[in-house]
Amino acid sequence: MGIFRKKETYNEQMLREAGLDRVVFNTPQPASPEGDPPEAPPPYDLDDIHLGPIAGRVKSGQLDWDCVVSVRDPAIPGDHVDFTVLPSGDLIIVEEKGDGDLTPLADAIEEKIDPPYRASASRHGVDLWAVGAKQIEVAEIPFPVADALELSVNDGETEFRADGDVSQAAVPAELRRLGEPVGSNFCVEASRIDGDYWEVKVSPL
């Protein structure tokens, strides 16, 4: 790759030949002409950032995002996108208008945190996007029906729910495996991301 330099002016040549090209003169900067518009404020406030319907308009700290970044990309259509990135790096789009490449958003997030994570992004202006991301736990659970699972084990009593209803189906072994490290009483909640990939949350009872 070639290296391009701007053309040297006659004055710059004379200064260089006189050995003065590296001297820095403390010349005051001219004041802005009266009437110039003030410097534009930041495009959004990270303490009050709108990240779409999942987040709502609440304080970012209350959302407990692991990172919030801004990305400039005019090619992404729409005003809001939600997506999840799996441990493998595969990007699953939850909500998007159009067929835009969300790689720039994911790349910016992954300078701060590693997959897996879920993210919510909103447009601010022509090409600026604000993106909040939260790291999650992902598990592969072979369960062909339902989008939400819940396994509760409390004092030896087991309750398994699918989409909110008590289910008589066999409890996936992965749900038990996830819950057992926190103790004998636990609750495991799983939300389907795509196929056999689920976002899971484990809590003791």
N, C-alpha and C. Protein backbone atom coordinates (compact mmCIF):
# COMPACT_ATOMS: atom_id res chain seq x y z
N MET A 1 0.86 -1.19 0.00
CA MET A 1 0.00 0.00 0.00
C MET A 1 0.89 1.24 0.00
N GLY A 2 0.59 2.17 -0.90
CA GLY A 2 1.38 3.39 -0.97
C GLY A 2 1.06 4.34 0.18
N ILE A 3 2.04 5.18 0.53
CA ILE A 3 1.85 6.18 1.57
C ILE A 3 1.79 7.53 0.89
N PHE A 4 0.70 8.24 1.10
CA PHE A 4 0.51 9.52 0.43
C PHE A 4 0.75 10.65 1.43
N ARG A 5 1.49 11.67 0.99
CA ARG A 5 1.74 12.85 1.82
C ARG A 5 1.26 14.08 1.05
N LYS A 6 0.77 15.06 1.79
CA LYS A 6 0.31 16.26 1.11
C LYS A 6 1.52 17.01 0.55
N LYS A 7 1.32 17.78 -0.54
CA LYS A 7 2.39 18.49 -1.22
C LYS A 7 2.95 19.58 -0.31
N GLU A 8 4.31 19.70 -0.25
CA GLU A 8 4.99 20.69 0.59
C GLU A 8 4.91 22.06 -0.07
N THR A 9 4.49 23.07 0.70
CA THR A 9 4.43 24.42 0.17
C THR A 9 5.82 25.05 0.19
N TYR A 10 5.95 26.19 -0.48
CA TYR A 10 7.24 26.89 -0.53
C TYR A 10 7.66 27.33 0.88
N ASN A 11 6.70 27.87 1.67
CA ASN A 11 7.01 28.30 3.04
C ASN A 11 7.46 27.12 3.89
N GLU A 12 6.78 25.99 3.74
CA GLU A 12 7.16 24.80 4.51
C GLU A 12 8.56 24.33 4.12
N GLN A 13 8.89 24.44 2.81
CA GLN A 13 10.22 24.06 2.34
C GLN A 13 11.28 24.97 2.98
N MET A 14 11.02 26.27 3.02
CA MET A 14 11.99 27.21 3.59
C MET A 14 12.18 26.94 5.09
N LEU A 15 11.09 26.66 5.81
CA LEU A 15 11.20 26.36 7.23
C LEU A 15 12.00 25.08 7.46
N ARG A 16 11.77 24.07 6.61
CA ARG A 16 12.49 22.81 6.76
C ARG A 16 13.97 23.01 6.53
N GLU A 17 14.33 23.77 5.47
CA GLU A 17 15.74 23.98 5.16
C GLU A 17 16.43 24.81 6.24
N ALA A 18 15.62 25.65 6.94
CA ALA A 18 16.20 26.47 8.02
C ALA A 18 16.20 25.73 9.36
N GLY A 19 15.70 24.52 9.35
CA GLY A 19 15.65 23.73 10.58
C GLY A 19 14.55 24.16 11.52
N LEU A 20 13.56 24.86 11.01
CA LEU A 20 12.48 25.36 11.86
C LEU A 20 11.17 24.61 11.66
N ASP A 21 11.24 23.51 10.91
CA ASP A 21 9.99 22.81 10.59
C ASP A 21 9.40 22.12 11.81
N ARG A 22 10.21 21.88 12.86
CA ARG A 22 9.70 21.19 14.04
C ARG A 22 9.39 22.16 15.19
N VAL A 23 9.58 23.47 14.94
CA VAL A 23 9.27 24.45 15.98
C VAL A 23 7.76 24.65 16.03
N VAL A 24 7.21 24.62 17.23
CA VAL A 24 5.78 24.83 17.41
C VAL A 24 5.57 26.23 17.96
N PHE A 25 4.90 27.06 17.22
CA PHE A 25 4.64 28.43 17.64
C PHE A 25 3.33 28.47 18.40
N ASN A 26 3.34 29.11 19.56
CA ASN A 26 2.16 29.19 20.40
C ASN A 26 1.29 30.34 19.92
N THR A 27 0.68 30.13 18.76
CA THR A 27 -0.14 31.17 18.16
C THR A 27 -1.56 31.02 18.63
N PRO A 28 -2.15 32.05 19.21
CA PRO A 28 -3.53 31.93 19.68
C PRO A 28 -4.46 31.67 18.50
N GLN A 29 -5.47 30.83 18.76
CA GLN A 29 -6.44 30.52 17.73
C GLN A 29 -7.44 31.66 17.62
N PRO A 30 -7.83 32.00 16.40
CA PRO A 30 -8.80 33.08 16.24
C PRO A 30 -10.13 32.71 16.87
N ALA A 31 -10.77 33.71 17.45
CA ALA A 31 -12.08 33.46 18.07
C ALA A 31 -13.11 33.18 16.99
N SER A 32 -14.10 32.40 17.34
CA SER A 32 -15.17 32.10 16.40
C SER A 32 -15.95 33.35 16.11
N PRO A 33 -16.29 33.58 14.84
CA PRO A 33 -17.07 34.77 14.51
C PRO A 33 -18.36 34.79 15.31
N GLU A 34 -18.74 36.01 15.72
CA GLU A 34 -19.97 36.13 16.50
C GLU A 34 -21.15 35.64 15.67
N GLY A 35 -22.01 34.87 16.31
CA GLY A 35 -23.18 34.36 15.60
C GLY A 35 -23.04 32.94 15.13
N ASP A 36 -21.83 32.34 15.25
CA ASP A 36 -21.68 30.94 14.87
C ASP A 36 -22.53 30.07 15.77
N PRO A 37 -23.12 29.01 15.25
CA PRO A 37 -23.94 28.13 16.09
C PRO A 37 -23.06 27.42 17.11
N PRO A 38 -23.57 27.16 18.32
CA PRO A 38 -22.79 26.45 19.33
C PRO A 38 -22.52 25.03 18.89
N GLU A 39 -21.49 24.45 19.50
CA GLU A 39 -21.13 23.08 19.17
C GLU A 39 -22.30 22.15 19.48
N ALA A 40 -22.57 21.23 18.56
CA ALA A 40 -23.71 20.34 18.73
C ALA A 40 -23.52 19.45 19.94
N PRO A 41 -24.57 19.20 20.73
CA PRO A 41 -24.46 18.32 21.89
C PRO A 41 -24.31 16.89 21.45
N PRO A 42 -23.91 15.99 22.35
CA PRO A 42 -23.84 14.57 22.00
C PRO A 42 -25.18 14.09 21.47
N PRO A 43 -25.17 13.08 20.59
CA PRO A 43 -26.42 12.64 19.98
C PRO A 43 -27.38 11.98 20.95
N TYR A 44 -26.88 11.49 22.08
CA TYR A 44 -27.76 10.91 23.09
C TYR A 44 -27.04 10.88 24.43
N ASP A 45 -27.82 10.72 25.46
CA ASP A 45 -27.30 10.67 26.83
C ASP A 45 -27.27 9.21 27.28
N LEU A 46 -26.09 8.71 27.59
CA LEU A 46 -25.97 7.31 27.97
C LEU A 46 -26.73 6.99 29.25
N ASP A 47 -27.04 8.01 30.06
CA ASP A 47 -27.79 7.77 31.28
C ASP A 47 -29.30 7.72 31.04
N ASP A 48 -29.71 8.02 29.84
CA ASP A 48 -31.15 8.02 29.54
C ASP A 48 -31.34 7.62 28.09
N ILE A 49 -30.89 6.44 27.77
CA ILE A 49 -30.81 6.02 26.37
C ILE A 49 -32.01 5.15 26.00
N HIS A 50 -32.62 5.47 24.88
CA HIS A 50 -33.77 4.70 24.41
C HIS A 50 -33.29 3.58 23.51
N LEU A 51 -33.50 2.35 23.93
CA LEU A 51 -33.04 1.21 23.14
C LEU A 51 -34.19 0.33 22.68
N GLY A 52 -35.34 0.93 22.49
CA GLY A 52 -36.42 0.19 21.87
C GLY A 52 -37.38 -0.47 22.83
N PRO A 53 -38.34 -1.24 22.30
CA PRO A 53 -39.43 -1.78 23.11
C PRO A 53 -38.98 -2.75 24.19
N ILE A 54 -37.90 -3.49 23.98
CA ILE A 54 -37.44 -4.42 25.01
C ILE A 54 -36.92 -3.65 26.21
N ALA A 55 -36.16 -2.60 25.94
CA ALA A 55 -35.54 -1.84 27.02
C ALA A 55 -36.50 -0.84 27.64
N GLY A 56 -37.32 -0.19 26.80
CA GLY A 56 -38.10 0.92 27.28
C GLY A 56 -37.20 2.12 27.51
N ARG A 57 -37.80 3.24 27.84
CA ARG A 57 -36.98 4.44 28.09
C ARG A 57 -36.73 4.54 29.59
N VAL A 58 -35.66 3.89 30.05
CA VAL A 58 -35.29 3.89 31.46
C VAL A 58 -33.80 4.09 31.56
N LYS A 59 -33.32 4.30 32.75
CA LYS A 59 -31.89 4.52 32.95
C LYS A 59 -31.11 3.29 32.55
N SER A 60 -29.99 3.50 31.83
CA SER A 60 -29.19 2.36 31.39
C SER A 60 -28.68 1.56 32.57
N GLY A 61 -28.39 2.23 33.69
CA GLY A 61 -27.92 1.51 34.86
C GLY A 61 -28.96 0.55 35.40
N GLN A 62 -30.25 0.96 35.32
CA GLN A 62 -31.32 0.10 35.78
C GLN A 62 -31.46 -1.12 34.88
N LEU A 63 -31.13 -0.94 33.61
CA LEU A 63 -31.18 -2.07 32.68
C LEU A 63 -30.00 -3.00 32.90
N ASP A 64 -28.95 -2.48 33.51
CA ASP A 64 -27.77 -3.28 33.80
C ASP A 64 -27.14 -3.83 32.53
N TRP A 65 -27.08 -2.99 31.48
CA TRP A 65 -26.33 -3.39 30.29
C TRP A 65 -24.87 -3.61 30.66
N ASP A 66 -24.25 -4.60 30.06
CA ASP A 66 -22.82 -4.81 30.27
C ASP A 66 -22.00 -3.81 29.47
N CYS A 67 -22.54 -3.31 28.38
CA CYS A 67 -21.87 -2.24 27.64
C CYS A 67 -22.88 -1.49 26.80
N VAL A 68 -22.59 -0.22 26.57
CA VAL A 68 -23.37 0.61 25.65
C VAL A 68 -22.38 1.27 24.71
N VAL A 69 -22.56 1.11 23.40
CA VAL A 69 -21.65 1.67 22.42
C VAL A 69 -22.43 2.41 21.35
N SER A 70 -21.72 3.24 20.59
CA SER A 70 -22.33 3.93 19.45
C SER A 70 -21.61 3.51 18.19
N VAL A 71 -22.36 3.39 17.11
CA VAL A 71 -21.82 2.93 15.83
C VAL A 71 -22.42 3.78 14.73
N ARG A 72 -21.59 4.21 13.78
CA ARG A 72 -22.09 4.93 12.62
C ARG A 72 -22.16 3.97 11.44
N ASP A 73 -23.37 3.77 10.92
CA ASP A 73 -23.56 2.90 9.76
C ASP A 73 -24.86 3.28 9.07
N PRO A 74 -24.78 3.97 7.92
CA PRO A 74 -26.00 4.39 7.23
C PRO A 74 -26.71 3.26 6.50
N ALA A 75 -26.08 2.10 6.38
CA ALA A 75 -26.64 1.03 5.56
C ALA A 75 -27.68 0.19 6.29
N ILE A 76 -27.75 0.30 7.62
CA ILE A 76 -28.72 -0.51 8.36
C ILE A 76 -30.10 0.13 8.25
N PRO A 77 -31.10 -0.61 7.77
CA PRO A 77 -32.43 -0.02 7.60
C PRO A 77 -33.20 0.03 8.91
N GLY A 78 -34.30 0.77 8.89
CA GLY A 78 -35.18 0.84 10.05
C GLY A 78 -34.62 1.72 11.15
N ASP A 79 -35.33 1.70 12.29
CA ASP A 79 -34.95 2.53 13.43
C ASP A 79 -34.61 1.72 14.66
N HIS A 80 -34.86 0.41 14.63
CA HIS A 80 -34.59 -0.40 15.82
C HIS A 80 -34.30 -1.84 15.42
N VAL A 81 -33.36 -2.47 16.10
CA VAL A 81 -33.07 -3.89 15.88
C VAL A 81 -32.77 -4.55 17.22
N ASP A 82 -33.20 -5.80 17.34
CA ASP A 82 -32.85 -6.64 18.48
C ASP A 82 -32.18 -7.89 17.93
N PHE A 83 -31.09 -8.31 18.54
CA PHE A 83 -30.43 -9.52 18.06
C PHE A 83 -29.69 -10.19 19.20
N THR A 84 -29.38 -11.47 18.99
CA THR A 84 -28.64 -12.27 19.96
C THR A 84 -27.46 -12.90 19.25
N VAL A 85 -26.30 -12.92 19.90
CA VAL A 85 -25.12 -13.56 19.35
C VAL A 85 -24.80 -14.79 20.20
N LEU A 86 -24.71 -15.95 19.54
CA LEU A 86 -24.48 -17.22 20.21
C LEU A 86 -23.00 -17.39 20.56
N PRO A 87 -22.67 -18.38 21.39
CA PRO A 87 -21.25 -18.60 21.72
C PRO A 87 -20.38 -18.84 20.49
N SER A 88 -20.98 -19.41 19.44
CA SER A 88 -20.23 -19.67 18.21
C SER A 88 -19.95 -18.41 17.41
N GLY A 89 -20.62 -17.31 17.77
CA GLY A 89 -20.50 -16.07 17.01
C GLY A 89 -21.63 -15.87 16.02
N ASP A 90 -22.50 -16.86 15.85
CA ASP A 90 -23.65 -16.71 14.95
C ASP A 90 -24.59 -15.65 15.50
N LEU A 91 -25.09 -14.80 14.61
CA LEU A 91 -25.95 -13.69 14.99
C LEU A 91 -27.39 -14.05 14.62
N ILE A 92 -28.26 -14.05 15.62
CA ILE A 92 -29.67 -14.35 15.42
C ILE A 92 -30.46 -13.07 15.55
N ILE A 93 -31.18 -12.69 14.50
CA ILE A 93 -31.95 -11.46 14.51
C ILE A 93 -33.32 -11.73 15.12
N VAL A 94 -33.65 -10.96 16.15
CA VAL A 94 -34.95 -11.09 16.81
C VAL A 94 -35.95 -10.16 16.17
N GLU A 95 -35.53 -8.93 15.92
CA GLU A 95 -36.41 -7.93 15.32
C GLU A 95 -35.60 -7.01 14.44
N GLU A 96 -36.03 -6.85 13.19
CA GLU A 96 -35.35 -5.94 12.27
C GLU A 96 -36.27 -5.63 11.12
N LYS A 97 -36.26 -4.38 10.65
CA LYS A 97 -36.96 -3.99 9.44
C LYS A 97 -35.97 -3.98 8.30
N GLY A 98 -36.22 -4.78 7.28
CA GLY A 98 -35.28 -4.87 6.16
C GLY A 98 -34.29 -5.99 6.38
N ASP A 99 -33.24 -5.96 5.57
CA ASP A 99 -32.24 -7.03 5.57
C ASP A 99 -30.86 -6.41 5.66
N GLY A 100 -30.59 -5.70 6.74
CA GLY A 100 -29.30 -5.02 6.88
C GLY A 100 -28.26 -5.92 7.52
N ASP A 101 -27.00 -5.61 7.27
CA ASP A 101 -25.88 -6.33 7.87
C ASP A 101 -25.60 -5.72 9.24
N LEU A 102 -25.81 -6.51 10.29
CA LEU A 102 -25.62 -6.02 11.65
C LEU A 102 -24.21 -6.27 12.18
N THR A 103 -23.32 -6.75 11.32
CA THR A 103 -21.95 -7.04 11.76
C THR A 103 -21.27 -5.83 12.41
N PRO A 104 -21.42 -4.60 11.87
CA PRO A 104 -20.75 -3.46 12.53
C PRO A 104 -21.20 -3.26 13.98
N LEU A 105 -22.48 -3.52 14.27
CA LEU A 105 -22.96 -3.40 15.63
C LEU A 105 -22.33 -4.45 16.53
N ALA A 106 -22.31 -5.70 16.02
CA ALA A 106 -21.72 -6.79 16.80
C ALA A 106 -20.22 -6.57 17.02
N ASP A 107 -19.53 -6.09 16.00
CA ASP A 107 -18.08 -5.86 16.13
C ASP A 107 -17.79 -4.83 17.21
N ALA A 108 -18.61 -3.77 17.27
CA ALA A 108 -18.40 -2.73 18.28
C ALA A 108 -18.64 -3.28 19.69
N ILE A 109 -19.67 -4.09 19.83
CA ILE A 109 -19.96 -4.69 21.13
C ILE A 109 -18.82 -5.59 21.57
N GLU A 110 -18.29 -6.39 20.62
CA GLU A 110 -17.30 -7.39 20.99
C GLU A 110 -15.91 -6.81 21.23
N GLU A 111 -15.78 -5.49 21.08
CA GLU A 111 -14.59 -4.83 21.59
C GLU A 111 -14.67 -4.67 23.11
N LYS A 112 -15.89 -4.82 23.66
CA LYS A 112 -16.12 -4.64 25.09
C LYS A 112 -16.42 -5.96 25.81
N ILE A 113 -17.25 -6.81 25.21
CA ILE A 113 -17.64 -8.07 25.85
C ILE A 113 -17.60 -9.19 24.82
N ASP A 114 -17.58 -10.42 25.31
CA ASP A 114 -17.56 -11.59 24.44
C ASP A 114 -18.95 -12.21 24.34
N PRO A 115 -19.23 -12.92 23.24
CA PRO A 115 -20.49 -13.67 23.16
C PRO A 115 -20.49 -14.79 24.20
N PRO A 116 -21.70 -15.26 24.56
CA PRO A 116 -23.01 -14.90 24.02
C PRO A 116 -23.59 -13.66 24.71
N TYR A 117 -24.43 -12.92 23.97
CA TYR A 117 -25.08 -11.75 24.53
C TYR A 117 -26.32 -11.43 23.70
N ARG A 118 -27.20 -10.67 24.30
CA ARG A 118 -28.34 -10.13 23.54
C ARG A 118 -28.14 -8.63 23.45
N ALA A 119 -28.63 -8.05 22.38
CA ALA A 119 -28.40 -6.62 22.14
C ALA A 119 -29.65 -5.96 21.60
N SER A 120 -29.76 -4.69 21.90
CA SER A 120 -30.87 -3.87 21.43
C SER A 120 -30.27 -2.56 20.92
N ALA A 121 -30.67 -2.15 19.73
CA ALA A 121 -30.07 -0.96 19.12
C ALA A 121 -31.15 -0.05 18.54
N SER A 122 -30.95 1.26 18.68
CA SER A 122 -31.86 2.24 18.11
C SER A 122 -31.09 3.30 17.35
N ARG A 123 -31.70 3.76 16.27
CA ARG A 123 -31.09 4.82 15.46
C ARG A 123 -31.21 6.16 16.17
N HIS A 124 -30.13 6.94 16.11
CA HIS A 124 -30.12 8.31 16.63
C HIS A 124 -29.56 9.20 15.53
N GLY A 125 -30.43 9.80 14.76
CA GLY A 125 -29.97 10.62 13.64
C GLY A 125 -29.90 9.80 12.37
N VAL A 126 -29.15 10.33 11.40
CA VAL A 126 -29.11 9.73 10.07
C VAL A 126 -28.41 8.37 10.07
N ASP A 127 -27.22 8.29 10.68
CA ASP A 127 -26.45 7.06 10.58
C ASP A 127 -25.88 6.58 11.90
N LEU A 128 -26.28 7.19 13.02
CA LEU A 128 -25.74 6.83 14.32
C LEU A 128 -26.67 5.87 15.04
N TRP A 129 -26.10 4.79 15.55
CA TRP A 129 -26.86 3.80 16.31
C TRP A 129 -26.31 3.71 17.73
N ALA A 130 -27.21 3.64 18.70
CA ALA A 130 -26.84 3.37 20.09
C ALA A 130 -27.19 1.91 20.37
N VAL A 131 -26.24 1.19 20.95
CA VAL A 131 -26.41 -0.25 21.13
C VAL A 131 -26.12 -0.62 22.58
N GLY A 132 -27.07 -1.30 23.22
CA GLY A 132 -26.86 -1.84 24.55
C GLY A 132 -26.78 -3.35 24.46
N ALA A 133 -25.86 -3.96 25.20
CA ALA A 133 -25.68 -5.41 25.15
C ALA A 133 -25.54 -5.99 26.55
N LYS A 134 -26.10 -7.17 26.74
CA LYS A 134 -26.06 -7.86 28.01
C LYS A 134 -25.61 -9.30 27.77
N GLN A 135 -24.55 -9.71 28.47
CA GLN A 135 -24.10 -11.09 28.35
C GLN A 135 -25.14 -12.03 28.95
N ILE A 136 -25.31 -13.19 28.33
CA ILE A 136 -26.31 -14.15 28.76
C ILE A 136 -25.68 -15.54 28.82
N GLU A 137 -26.43 -16.48 29.40
CA GLU A 137 -26.03 -17.88 29.38
C GLU A 137 -26.89 -18.59 28.34
N VAL A 138 -26.25 -19.37 27.50
CA VAL A 138 -26.95 -20.08 26.43
C VAL A 138 -26.72 -21.58 26.58
N ALA A 139 -27.78 -22.35 26.35
CA ALA A 139 -27.68 -23.81 26.43
C ALA A 139 -28.39 -24.42 25.23
N GLU A 140 -27.93 -25.58 24.83
CA GLU A 140 -28.62 -26.35 23.78
C GLU A 140 -29.56 -27.34 24.46
N ILE A 141 -30.84 -27.18 24.20
CA ILE A 141 -31.87 -28.02 24.82
C ILE A 141 -32.76 -28.58 23.71
N PRO A 142 -32.72 -29.87 23.46
CA PRO A 142 -33.58 -30.45 22.42
C PRO A 142 -35.02 -30.58 22.91
N PHE A 143 -35.83 -29.59 22.61
CA PHE A 143 -37.24 -29.60 22.99
C PHE A 143 -38.00 -28.95 21.84
N PRO A 144 -38.71 -29.73 21.03
CA PRO A 144 -39.21 -29.22 19.75
C PRO A 144 -40.36 -28.24 19.86
N VAL A 145 -41.11 -28.24 20.97
CA VAL A 145 -42.27 -27.35 21.07
C VAL A 145 -42.04 -26.34 22.18
N ALA A 146 -42.84 -25.28 22.17
CA ALA A 146 -42.82 -24.21 23.18
C ALA A 146 -41.64 -23.26 22.95
N ASP A 147 -41.83 -22.05 23.44
CA ASP A 147 -40.78 -21.01 23.36
C ASP A 147 -40.26 -20.62 24.72
N ALA A 148 -40.91 -21.11 25.78
CA ALA A 148 -40.46 -20.81 27.14
C ALA A 148 -40.62 -22.05 28.00
N LEU A 149 -39.58 -22.38 28.77
CA LEU A 149 -39.59 -23.53 29.67
C LEU A 149 -39.23 -23.06 31.07
N GLU A 150 -39.77 -23.76 32.06
CA GLU A 150 -39.44 -23.45 33.45
C GLU A 150 -39.45 -24.74 34.26
N LEU A 151 -38.35 -25.00 34.92
CA LEU A 151 -38.23 -26.16 35.79
C LEU A 151 -37.97 -25.68 37.22
N SER A 152 -38.86 -26.07 38.16
CA SER A 152 -38.68 -25.73 39.56
C SER A 152 -38.55 -27.01 40.37
N VAL A 153 -37.55 -27.07 41.22
CA VAL A 153 -37.36 -28.18 42.14
C VAL A 153 -37.27 -27.60 43.53
N ASN A 154 -38.23 -27.98 44.40
CA ASN A 154 -38.30 -27.39 45.74
C ASN A 154 -38.71 -28.47 46.74
N ASP A 155 -37.81 -28.77 47.66
CA ASP A 155 -38.07 -29.80 48.68
C ASP A 155 -38.49 -31.12 48.05
N GLY A 156 -37.83 -31.47 46.98
CA GLY A 156 -38.11 -32.75 46.33
C GLY A 156 -39.27 -32.73 45.37
N GLU A 157 -40.02 -31.63 45.34
CA GLU A 157 -41.16 -31.51 44.41
C GLU A 157 -40.69 -30.86 43.12
N THR A 158 -41.04 -31.47 42.00
CA THR A 158 -40.63 -30.97 40.68
C THR A 158 -41.84 -30.49 39.90
N GLU A 159 -41.71 -29.30 39.33
CA GLU A 159 -42.75 -28.77 38.45
C GLU A 159 -42.10 -28.30 37.16
N PHE A 160 -42.65 -28.75 36.06
CA PHE A 160 -42.12 -28.40 34.73
C PHE A 160 -43.22 -27.71 33.94
N ARG A 161 -42.92 -26.53 33.43
CA ARG A 161 -43.89 -25.76 32.65
C ARG A 161 -43.33 -25.47 31.26
N ALA A 162 -44.24 -25.48 30.28
CA ALA A 162 -43.91 -25.12 28.90
C ALA A 162 -44.88 -24.04 28.46
N ASP A 163 -44.35 -22.90 28.07
CA ASP A 163 -45.17 -21.74 27.70
C ASP A 163 -46.17 -21.39 28.81
N GLY A 164 -45.73 -21.54 30.05
CA GLY A 164 -46.54 -21.15 31.19
C GLY A 164 -47.48 -22.20 31.73
N ASP A 165 -47.69 -23.29 30.99
CA ASP A 165 -48.60 -24.33 31.42
C ASP A 165 -47.83 -25.53 31.96
N VAL A 166 -48.37 -26.16 33.00
CA VAL A 166 -47.76 -27.37 33.54
C VAL A 166 -47.73 -28.44 32.44
N SER A 167 -46.57 -29.06 32.26
CA SER A 167 -46.38 -30.03 31.18
C SER A 167 -46.05 -31.40 31.77
N GLN A 168 -46.60 -32.43 31.13
CA GLN A 168 -46.30 -33.80 31.51
C GLN A 168 -45.18 -34.39 30.65
N ALA A 169 -44.59 -33.59 29.80
CA ALA A 169 -43.51 -34.07 28.94
C ALA A 169 -42.27 -34.36 29.80
N ALA A 170 -41.40 -35.18 29.25
CA ALA A 170 -40.16 -35.50 29.96
C ALA A 170 -39.33 -34.23 30.13
N VAL A 171 -38.82 -34.04 31.33
CA VAL A 171 -38.01 -32.85 31.61
C VAL A 171 -36.67 -32.99 30.91
N PRO A 172 -36.28 -32.03 30.08
CA PRO A 172 -34.96 -32.11 29.43
C PRO A 172 -33.84 -32.21 30.47
N ALA A 173 -32.95 -33.17 30.26
CA ALA A 173 -31.87 -33.40 31.22
C ALA A 173 -31.00 -32.15 31.39
N GLU A 174 -30.88 -31.34 30.35
CA GLU A 174 -30.03 -30.15 30.43
C GLU A 174 -30.56 -29.15 31.46
N LEU A 175 -31.88 -29.08 31.63
CA LEU A 175 -32.45 -28.16 32.62
C LEU A 175 -32.03 -28.57 34.03
N ARG A 176 -32.07 -29.86 34.31
CA ARG A 176 -31.65 -30.34 35.63
C ARG A 176 -30.15 -30.09 35.84
N ARG A 177 -29.37 -30.36 34.79
CA ARG A 177 -27.92 -30.18 34.91
C ARG A 177 -27.58 -28.73 35.22
N LEU A 178 -28.31 -27.80 34.62
CA LEU A 178 -28.06 -26.38 34.86
C LEU A 178 -28.41 -25.97 36.28
N GLY A 179 -29.48 -26.55 36.83
CA GLY A 179 -29.95 -26.13 38.14
C GLY A 179 -29.19 -26.72 39.30
N GLU A 180 -28.69 -27.92 39.17
CA GLU A 180 -28.10 -28.65 40.30
C GLU A 180 -26.91 -27.93 40.95
N PRO A 181 -26.07 -27.21 40.21
CA PRO A 181 -24.93 -26.55 40.88
C PRO A 181 -25.32 -25.50 41.91
N VAL A 182 -26.54 -24.94 41.85
CA VAL A 182 -26.92 -23.89 42.80
C VAL A 182 -27.54 -24.47 44.07
N GLY A 183 -27.77 -25.78 44.11
CA GLY A 183 -28.35 -26.39 45.30
C GLY A 183 -29.48 -27.34 44.96
N SER A 184 -30.07 -27.91 46.01
CA SER A 184 -31.14 -28.89 45.79
C SER A 184 -32.46 -28.22 45.41
N ASN A 185 -32.63 -26.96 45.77
CA ASN A 185 -33.83 -26.21 45.40
C ASN A 185 -33.46 -25.12 44.40
N PHE A 186 -34.06 -25.17 43.22
CA PHE A 186 -33.66 -24.23 42.19
C PHE A 186 -34.78 -24.03 41.19
N CYS A 187 -34.62 -22.98 40.39
CA CYS A 187 -35.53 -22.71 39.26
C CYS A 187 -34.68 -22.39 38.04
N VAL A 188 -35.01 -23.05 36.93
CA VAL A 188 -34.33 -22.78 35.66
C VAL A 188 -35.36 -22.29 34.67
N GLU A 189 -35.14 -21.11 34.12
CA GLU A 189 -36.01 -20.54 33.09
C GLU A 189 -35.25 -20.52 31.77
N ALA A 190 -35.94 -20.90 30.70
CA ALA A 190 -35.30 -20.93 29.38
C ALA A 190 -36.22 -20.28 28.35
N SER A 191 -35.62 -19.42 27.52
CA SER A 191 -36.36 -18.78 26.42
C SER A 191 -35.68 -19.14 25.11
N ARG A 192 -36.46 -19.65 24.18
CA ARG A 192 -35.87 -20.10 22.92
C ARG A 192 -35.30 -18.92 22.14
N ILE A 193 -34.07 -19.08 21.68
CA ILE A 193 -33.45 -18.10 20.79
C ILE A 193 -33.70 -18.50 19.34
N ASP A 194 -33.28 -19.73 19.02
CA ASP A 194 -33.48 -20.26 17.67
C ASP A 194 -33.12 -21.75 17.71
N GLY A 195 -33.99 -22.57 17.13
CA GLY A 195 -33.72 -24.00 17.11
C GLY A 195 -33.57 -24.57 18.51
N ASP A 196 -32.47 -25.26 18.74
CA ASP A 196 -32.21 -25.84 20.07
C ASP A 196 -31.44 -24.92 20.99
N TYR A 197 -31.22 -23.67 20.59
CA TYR A 197 -30.49 -22.72 21.43
C TYR A 197 -31.47 -21.90 22.28
N TRP A 198 -31.20 -21.88 23.59
CA TRP A 198 -32.06 -21.20 24.54
C TRP A 198 -31.23 -20.28 25.43
N GLU A 199 -31.79 -19.12 25.75
CA GLU A 199 -31.23 -18.28 26.80
C GLU A 199 -31.74 -18.81 28.14
N VAL A 200 -30.87 -19.06 29.08
CA VAL A 200 -31.26 -19.67 30.34
C VAL A 200 -30.87 -18.78 31.52
N LYS A 201 -31.70 -18.84 32.57
CA LYS A 201 -31.44 -18.15 33.83
C LYS A 201 -31.67 -19.14 34.95
N VAL A 202 -30.72 -19.22 35.87
CA VAL A 202 -30.79 -20.17 36.97
C VAL A 202 -30.76 -19.40 38.28
N SER A 203 -31.66 -19.75 39.18
CA SER A 203 -31.70 -19.09 40.48
C SER A 203 -32.04 -20.10 41.56
N PRO A 204 -31.46 -19.94 42.76
CA PRO A 204 -31.80 -20.85 43.86
C PRO A 204 -33.16 -20.49 44.44
N LEU A 205 -33.81 -21.45 45.06
CA LEU A 205 -35.10 -21.22 45.73
C LEU A 205 -34.93 -21.32 47.24
